[in-house]
Amino acid sequence: MTIKKSVNNDEVIIEVEGRVDTNTAKEFETAVKEIPAGTKKLTIDMTGLAYISSAGLRVLLIANQLMDEYGEVCALNPNNEIREILSITGFDDFLNIVEK
């Protein structure tokens, strides 16, 4: 898994590529928890994400809790499999799923 983080004004973009599973979720969690105060939008770019386990879903819950006070969490370009996982688990109720 690789993670790239960038800041654009009050938006933080975290690009996640590869697999987020038990072995890599901690690194993903660290990236999410390090977003600056005052961030209004957290975009998790899933274009290169091939797999997400329950450990990765837990990190998305943490992201939602962090941003609940400040703004929104967007999931950008999840593939069909990940989109289905987000739908079945109800994560699409609080994640703004965007396709570009």
Protein backbone atom coordinates (compact mmCIF):
# COMPACT_ATOMS: atom_id res chain seq x y z
CA MET A 1 0.00 0.00 0.00
CA THR A 2 1.15 3.52 -0.73
CA ILE A 3 -0.29 6.73 0.67
CA LYS A 4 0.17 10.26 -0.63
CA LYS A 5 -1.24 13.24 1.18
CA SER A 6 -1.71 16.75 -0.15
CA VAL A 7 -3.37 19.90 1.16
CA ASN A 8 -5.31 22.32 -1.01
CA ASN A 9 -6.56 25.25 1.10
CA ASP A 10 -9.06 23.67 3.52
CA GLU A 11 -9.17 20.28 1.75
CA VAL A 12 -6.89 17.34 2.48
CA ILE A 13 -6.55 14.65 -0.16
CA ILE A 14 -5.26 11.23 0.83
CA GLU A 15 -4.49 8.96 -2.13
CA VAL A 16 -4.51 5.29 -1.18
CA GLU A 17 -3.17 2.65 -3.58
CA GLY A 18 -3.01 -1.11 -3.16
CA ARG A 19 -4.60 -2.94 -0.26
CA VAL A 20 -5.78 -1.62 3.08
CA ASP A 21 -5.89 -4.61 5.40
CA THR A 22 -4.82 -5.57 8.92
CA ASN A 23 -1.15 -5.13 8.02
CA THR A 24 -1.49 -1.66 6.46
CA ALA A 25 -4.47 -0.06 8.21
CA LYS A 26 -2.31 1.53 10.93
CA GLU A 27 -0.40 3.56 8.33
CA PHE A 28 -3.71 4.67 6.79
CA GLU A 29 -5.03 5.58 10.25
CA THR A 30 -1.94 7.67 10.98
CA ALA A 31 -2.41 9.62 7.73
CA VAL A 32 -6.06 10.28 8.60
CA LYS A 33 -5.34 11.37 12.17
CA GLU A 34 -2.66 13.82 11.00
CA ILE A 35 -5.07 16.06 9.06
CA PRO A 36 -4.70 19.69 10.12
CA ALA A 37 -7.28 21.37 12.32
CA GLY A 38 -9.68 23.47 10.29
CA THR A 39 -9.87 20.99 7.41
CA LYS A 40 -13.34 21.28 5.89
CA LYS A 41 -13.11 18.42 3.41
CA LEU A 42 -11.22 15.15 3.57
CA THR A 43 -11.06 13.40 0.21
CA ILE A 44 -9.87 9.82 0.19
CA ASP A 45 -8.84 9.08 -3.37
CA MET A 46 -9.58 5.40 -3.91
CA THR A 47 -8.70 5.33 -7.61
CA GLY A 48 -5.80 2.95 -6.98
CA LEU A 49 -7.34 1.07 -4.05
CA ALA A 50 -7.69 -2.62 -4.87
CA TYR A 51 -9.00 -3.96 -1.54
CA ILE A 52 -10.27 -2.73 1.81
CA SER A 53 -10.78 -4.95 4.85
CA SER A 54 -12.75 -4.32 8.02
CA ALA A 55 -9.59 -2.72 9.46
CA GLY A 56 -9.68 -0.20 6.61
CA LEU A 57 -13.39 0.42 7.14
CA ARG A 58 -12.61 1.18 10.78
CA VAL A 59 -10.23 3.91 9.61
CA LEU A 60 -13.01 5.38 7.46
CA LEU A 61 -15.16 5.51 10.62
CA ILE A 62 -12.36 7.35 12.41
CA ALA A 63 -12.13 9.79 9.49
CA ASN A 64 -15.87 10.40 9.71
CA GLN A 65 -15.67 11.02 13.45
CA LEU A 66 -12.78 13.47 13.00
CA MET A 67 -14.52 15.35 10.20
CA ASP A 68 -17.97 15.27 11.79
CA GLU A 69 -17.04 18.42 13.68
CA TYR A 70 -15.39 20.22 10.76
CA GLY A 71 -16.81 19.06 7.44
CA GLU A 72 -17.23 16.09 5.12
CA VAL A 73 -15.45 12.94 4.03
CA CYS A 74 -15.47 12.06 0.33
CA ALA A 75 -14.55 8.73 -1.24
CA LEU A 76 -13.24 9.48 -4.72
CA ASN A 77 -13.41 6.88 -7.51
CA PRO A 78 -13.91 3.63 -5.60
CA ASN A 79 -13.94 0.61 -7.91
CA ASN A 80 -17.15 -1.44 -8.20
CA GLU A 81 -16.12 -3.96 -5.55
CA ILE A 82 -15.23 -1.31 -2.99
CA ARG A 83 -18.36 0.69 -3.85
CA GLU A 84 -20.42 -2.44 -3.15
CA ILE A 85 -18.66 -2.95 0.20
CA LEU A 86 -19.37 0.67 1.14
CA SER A 87 -23.02 0.20 0.18
CA ILE A 88 -23.54 -3.14 1.97
CA THR A 89 -21.94 -1.85 5.17
CA GLY A 90 -23.90 1.42 5.11
CA PHE A 91 -20.79 3.56 4.75
CA ASP A 92 -22.37 5.26 1.77
CA ASP A 93 -24.78 6.87 4.28
CA PHE A 94 -22.02 9.10 5.66
CA LEU A 95 -19.38 9.08 2.92
CA ASN A 96 -19.92 11.32 -0.05
CA ILE A 97 -19.00 8.99 -2.92
CA VAL A 98 -17.72 10.94 -5.91
CA GLU A 99 -16.70 9.66 -9.34
CA LYS A 100 -14.57 11.78 -11.64
